[in-house]
């Protein structure tokens, strides 16, 4: 996937503090994975015409790493189009 496409592929990722205990992180990831398969949630999303899909935490982390593991020149160019809000 190209660098330009990664933000769209990642979508709206959820994050936690970097020092979050691994067991809690695993619990959150498991909950999201289970929620996306919940028949009631899927039915409600269909009724509301909301399209969503699950991307594992591991994949999101891999995509973020690929996005930001670029040359300084590429990161400067990306900065013109991608703004981090804090």
N, C-alpha and C. Protein backbone atom coordinates (compact mmCIF):
# COMPACT_ATOMS: atom_id res chain seq x y z
N UNK A 1 0.84 -1.17 0.00
CA UNK A 1 0.00 0.00 0.00
C UNK A 1 0.90 1.24 0.00
N UNK A 2 0.47 2.27 -0.70
CA UNK A 2 1.26 3.49 -0.76
C UNK A 2 1.09 4.30 0.52
N UNK A 3 2.04 5.19 0.76
CA UNK A 3 1.98 6.04 1.94
C UNK A 3 0.71 6.88 1.93
N UNK A 4 0.33 7.36 0.76
CA UNK A 4 -0.87 8.21 0.67
C UNK A 4 -2.12 7.46 1.11
N UNK A 5 -2.18 6.16 0.88
CA UNK A 5 -3.37 5.39 1.20
C UNK A 5 -3.45 4.90 2.62
N UNK A 6 -2.34 4.93 3.35
CA UNK A 6 -2.35 4.38 4.70
C UNK A 6 -3.31 5.08 5.66
N UNK A 7 -3.37 6.40 5.71
CA UNK A 7 -4.33 7.00 6.65
C UNK A 7 -5.77 6.56 6.40
N UNK A 8 -6.15 6.41 5.15
CA UNK A 8 -7.51 5.96 4.86
C UNK A 8 -7.69 4.50 5.24
N UNK A 9 -6.66 3.69 5.05
CA UNK A 9 -6.75 2.27 5.40
C UNK A 9 -6.86 2.09 6.90
N UNK A 10 -6.15 2.92 7.64
CA UNK A 10 -6.19 2.82 9.10
C UNK A 10 -7.53 3.31 9.63
N UNK A 11 -8.07 4.33 9.01
CA UNK A 11 -9.37 4.85 9.44
C UNK A 11 -9.28 5.56 10.76
N UNK A 12 -10.24 5.34 11.60
CA UNK A 12 -10.27 5.98 12.92
C UNK A 12 -9.82 4.96 13.96
N UNK A 13 -8.55 4.98 14.18
CA UNK A 13 -7.98 4.03 15.13
C UNK A 13 -8.19 4.51 16.56
N UNK A 14 -8.30 3.59 17.48
CA UNK A 14 -8.37 3.89 18.89
C UNK A 14 -6.99 3.65 19.48
N UNK A 15 -6.62 4.47 20.42
CA UNK A 15 -5.30 4.32 21.03
C UNK A 15 -5.39 4.37 22.54
N UNK A 16 -4.36 3.86 23.15
CA UNK A 16 -4.23 3.91 24.60
C UNK A 16 -2.84 4.45 24.94
N UNK A 17 -2.64 4.80 26.17
CA UNK A 17 -1.36 5.31 26.63
C UNK A 17 -0.28 4.26 26.37
N UNK A 18 0.91 4.69 25.96
CA UNK A 18 1.99 3.73 25.68
C UNK A 18 2.34 2.81 26.85
N UNK A 19 2.07 3.24 28.08
CA UNK A 19 2.39 2.40 29.24
C UNK A 19 1.23 1.53 29.71
N UNK A 20 0.20 1.41 28.88
CA UNK A 20 -0.93 0.56 29.23
C UNK A 20 -0.44 -0.88 29.39
N UNK A 21 -0.79 -1.53 30.51
CA UNK A 21 -0.36 -2.91 30.71
C UNK A 21 -0.80 -3.82 29.55
N UNK A 22 0.07 -4.74 29.19
CA UNK A 22 -0.18 -5.62 28.05
C UNK A 22 -1.46 -6.43 28.21
N UNK A 23 -1.78 -6.85 29.43
CA UNK A 23 -2.99 -7.63 29.62
C UNK A 23 -4.24 -6.79 29.34
N UNK A 24 -4.21 -5.50 29.70
CA UNK A 24 -5.35 -4.62 29.41
C UNK A 24 -5.45 -4.33 27.92
N UNK A 25 -4.31 -4.16 27.28
CA UNK A 25 -4.30 -3.94 25.83
C UNK A 25 -4.89 -5.16 25.12
N UNK A 26 -4.48 -6.33 25.54
CA UNK A 26 -5.01 -7.56 24.95
C UNK A 26 -6.51 -7.66 25.17
N UNK A 27 -6.99 -7.27 26.36
CA UNK A 27 -8.41 -7.31 26.67
C UNK A 27 -9.19 -6.37 25.75
N UNK A 28 -8.67 -5.16 25.55
CA UNK A 28 -9.33 -4.20 24.67
C UNK A 28 -9.37 -4.70 23.23
N UNK A 29 -8.25 -5.21 22.76
CA UNK A 29 -8.20 -5.72 21.38
C UNK A 29 -9.17 -6.88 21.19
N UNK A 30 -9.24 -7.74 22.18
CA UNK A 30 -10.16 -8.88 22.11
C UNK A 30 -11.61 -8.39 22.09
N UNK A 31 -11.92 -7.39 22.89
CA UNK A 31 -13.29 -6.86 22.94
C UNK A 31 -13.69 -6.26 21.59
N UNK A 32 -12.79 -5.52 20.96
CA UNK A 32 -13.10 -4.95 19.65
C UNK A 32 -13.31 -6.06 18.62
N UNK A 33 -12.45 -7.07 18.65
CA UNK A 33 -12.58 -8.17 17.70
C UNK A 33 -13.91 -8.90 17.86
N UNK A 34 -14.35 -9.07 19.11
CA UNK A 34 -15.63 -9.73 19.37
C UNK A 34 -16.80 -8.83 18.99
N UNK A 35 -16.70 -7.55 19.29
CA UNK A 35 -17.80 -6.62 18.99
C UNK A 35 -18.11 -6.57 17.51
N UNK A 36 -17.10 -6.61 16.68
CA UNK A 36 -17.31 -6.49 15.24
C UNK A 36 -18.05 -7.70 14.67
N UNK A 37 -18.12 -8.78 15.44
CA UNK A 37 -18.83 -9.98 15.00
C UNK A 37 -20.22 -10.09 15.63
N UNK A 38 -20.56 -9.16 16.51
CA UNK A 38 -21.83 -9.22 17.23
C UNK A 38 -23.00 -9.02 16.26
N UNK A 39 -23.91 -9.98 16.17
CA UNK A 39 -25.02 -9.87 15.23
C UNK A 39 -25.89 -8.63 15.44
N UNK A 40 -26.12 -8.24 16.69
CA UNK A 40 -26.94 -7.05 16.96
C UNK A 40 -26.25 -5.78 16.47
N UNK A 41 -24.95 -5.69 16.72
CA UNK A 41 -24.19 -4.53 16.24
C UNK A 41 -24.20 -4.48 14.72
N UNK A 42 -23.99 -5.62 14.08
CA UNK A 42 -23.99 -5.66 12.62
C UNK A 42 -25.35 -5.28 12.05
N UNK A 43 -26.42 -5.76 12.68
CA UNK A 43 -27.77 -5.44 12.21
C UNK A 43 -28.06 -3.95 12.39
N UNK A 44 -27.68 -3.40 13.53
CA UNK A 44 -27.88 -1.98 13.79
C UNK A 44 -27.10 -1.13 12.79
N UNK A 45 -25.87 -1.51 12.52
CA UNK A 45 -25.05 -0.77 11.56
C UNK A 45 -25.67 -0.83 10.16
N UNK A 46 -26.20 -1.98 9.82
CA UNK A 46 -26.84 -2.12 8.50
C UNK A 46 -28.07 -1.23 8.41
N UNK A 47 -28.88 -1.22 9.47
CA UNK A 47 -30.08 -0.37 9.48
C UNK A 47 -29.70 1.11 9.39
N UNK A 48 -28.60 1.47 10.03
CA UNK A 48 -28.16 2.87 10.04
C UNK A 48 -27.31 3.20 8.81
N UNK A 49 -27.11 2.20 7.96
CA UNK A 49 -26.28 2.36 6.76
C UNK A 49 -24.87 2.84 7.10
N UNK A 50 -24.32 2.22 8.13
CA UNK A 50 -22.95 2.50 8.55
C UNK A 50 -22.09 1.33 8.11
N UNK A 51 -21.11 1.63 7.31
CA UNK A 51 -20.19 0.60 6.81
C UNK A 51 -18.92 0.66 7.65
N UNK A 52 -18.54 -0.45 8.23
CA UNK A 52 -17.31 -0.49 8.99
C UNK A 52 -16.68 -1.86 8.85
N UNK A 53 -15.42 -1.92 9.17
CA UNK A 53 -14.73 -3.20 9.16
C UNK A 53 -13.67 -3.19 10.26
N UNK A 54 -13.31 -4.36 10.69
CA UNK A 54 -12.34 -4.52 11.77
C UNK A 54 -10.94 -4.65 11.19
N UNK A 55 -10.02 -3.90 11.76
CA UNK A 55 -8.60 -4.04 11.45
C UNK A 55 -7.93 -4.31 12.78
N UNK A 56 -7.16 -5.37 12.86
CA UNK A 56 -6.55 -5.75 14.13
C UNK A 56 -5.61 -4.66 14.63
N UNK A 57 -5.44 -4.63 15.94
CA UNK A 57 -4.50 -3.69 16.55
C UNK A 57 -3.09 -3.88 16.02
N UNK A 58 -2.75 -5.12 15.79
CA UNK A 58 -1.42 -5.41 15.25
C UNK A 58 -1.25 -4.81 13.86
N UNK A 59 -2.29 -4.91 13.03
CA UNK A 59 -2.21 -4.36 11.68
C UNK A 59 -2.16 -2.83 11.71
N UNK A 60 -2.96 -2.22 12.57
CA UNK A 60 -2.94 -0.76 12.69
C UNK A 60 -1.56 -0.30 13.13
N UNK A 61 -0.99 -0.99 14.11
CA UNK A 61 0.36 -0.63 14.58
C UNK A 61 1.38 -0.78 13.45
N UNK A 62 1.28 -1.85 12.69
CA UNK A 62 2.18 -2.06 11.56
C UNK A 62 2.03 -0.93 10.53
N UNK A 63 0.78 -0.55 10.25
CA UNK A 63 0.53 0.52 9.27
C UNK A 63 1.04 1.87 9.76
N UNK A 64 0.84 2.17 11.06
CA UNK A 64 1.37 3.42 11.61
C UNK A 64 2.90 3.43 11.54
N UNK A 65 3.51 2.31 11.87
CA UNK A 65 4.97 2.23 11.80
C UNK A 65 5.45 2.46 10.37
N UNK A 66 4.76 1.87 9.41
CA UNK A 66 5.14 2.07 8.00
C UNK A 66 4.95 3.53 7.59
N UNK A 67 3.89 4.14 8.10
CA UNK A 67 3.61 5.53 7.76
C UNK A 67 4.70 6.46 8.27
N UNK A 68 5.15 6.24 9.49
CA UNK A 68 6.10 7.17 10.10
C UNK A 68 7.56 6.73 9.99
N UNK A 69 7.82 5.56 9.46
CA UNK A 69 9.19 5.09 9.27
C UNK A 69 9.64 5.45 7.84
N UNK A 70 9.72 6.73 7.60
CA UNK A 70 10.06 7.25 6.28
C UNK A 70 11.29 8.16 6.40
N UNK A 71 11.84 8.50 5.28
CA UNK A 71 12.97 9.42 5.28
C UNK A 71 12.51 10.79 5.78
N UNK A 72 13.42 11.59 6.32
CA UNK A 72 13.05 12.94 6.77
C UNK A 72 12.40 13.77 5.66
N UNK A 73 12.86 13.61 4.45
CA UNK A 73 12.29 14.36 3.33
C UNK A 73 10.83 13.96 3.09
N UNK A 74 10.58 12.67 3.13
CA UNK A 74 9.22 12.18 2.93
C UNK A 74 8.31 12.64 4.05
N UNK A 75 8.80 12.59 5.29
CA UNK A 75 8.00 13.05 6.43
C UNK A 75 7.68 14.52 6.31
N UNK A 76 8.62 15.34 5.85
CA UNK A 76 8.34 16.76 5.66
C UNK A 76 7.24 16.96 4.62
N UNK A 77 7.30 16.22 3.53
CA UNK A 77 6.27 16.32 2.50
C UNK A 77 4.92 15.85 3.03
N UNK A 78 4.93 14.75 3.80
CA UNK A 78 3.68 14.25 4.38
C UNK A 78 3.07 15.28 5.31
N UNK A 79 3.92 16.01 6.03
CA UNK A 79 3.46 17.01 6.97
C UNK A 79 2.62 18.10 6.32
N UNK A 80 2.78 18.27 5.03
CA UNK A 80 1.98 19.26 4.31
C UNK A 80 0.52 18.82 4.19
N UNK A 81 0.29 17.50 4.25
CA UNK A 81 -1.04 16.96 3.99
C UNK A 81 -1.67 16.30 5.20
N UNK A 82 -0.85 15.82 6.14
CA UNK A 82 -1.37 15.12 7.31
C UNK A 82 -1.03 15.95 8.54
N UNK A 83 -2.04 16.38 9.23
CA UNK A 83 -1.83 17.20 10.42
C UNK A 83 -2.26 16.42 11.65
N UNK A 84 -1.35 16.31 12.60
CA UNK A 84 -1.68 15.65 13.88
C UNK A 84 -2.32 16.68 14.79
N UNK A 85 -3.42 16.27 15.40
CA UNK A 85 -4.11 17.15 16.34
C UNK A 85 -3.92 16.61 17.73
N UNK A 86 -3.70 17.47 18.66
CA UNK A 86 -3.49 16.98 20.02
C UNK A 86 -4.21 17.77 21.04
